[in-house]
Amino acid sequence: MKRFASVRFGGVLDASERDAVTRGVRSAGAAVRSWKTSRSRTYVTLAGDQTAIEQAARTLPAATVDVPALAVLRIVPDASRTLGRLFDALGGAGCPDGVRHAYRDGDDALVVETDTGRTSLAFVVALIDAELAAAPGRRIEALVALDDAALAAFAGDVLGAPDLTASRVIESHLEALLAEAGT
């Protein structure tokens, strides 16, 4: 069974460091699915079976590996003055249970690392929008690639279709899109 893991390094890796990580992960039988960085961290998404992920994790002693993968979002509000309020809501004492960590990423962004088994992405996005209601507008970037199940759960929450599964995302919505396109 294919599994996904999120990997977090406490600094920004350069090209040679990334190459070394990629070689180690591949030698363990896993695959690097994506690389993204914030201003202070590097995030990697790994894919493979459970054994490959476990072996790959052993090649990464300087990193934090989470299985299942965390959802890591970088939020850039249009009005930077709202960043403090957003940080308090997502990183303060009353933050949602699944938020593992939140930190400011420079003067204009917030990074939130979330266990979606405990707190849904839809809830995190709704909380972001509620906190930004007085000054709406934001850009959200996923720093860890979302697996099919996480995307389906998020889409199901947003679309009001809680039974939506990864295998049904395209099936459920392609027909309507094709009808709209006139094909």
Foldseek 3Di string as FASTA:
>chain_A
DKAKKKKKAQADDDPVRVVVLQVLLVVLPKHWDDWFDFHGMIMTMIMDDPSSLVSSVVVCPRIDMDTRYWWKKKKFFPDLVLVVVLCCACANPPHFPFFPHKDDRPSGIIITTGDCVRPAPLRSVVSNQVSCVVPDDMDMDTRYDDDLQNVQCNVCVVVVNNPGGSVCPCVVCVVVVCVVVVD
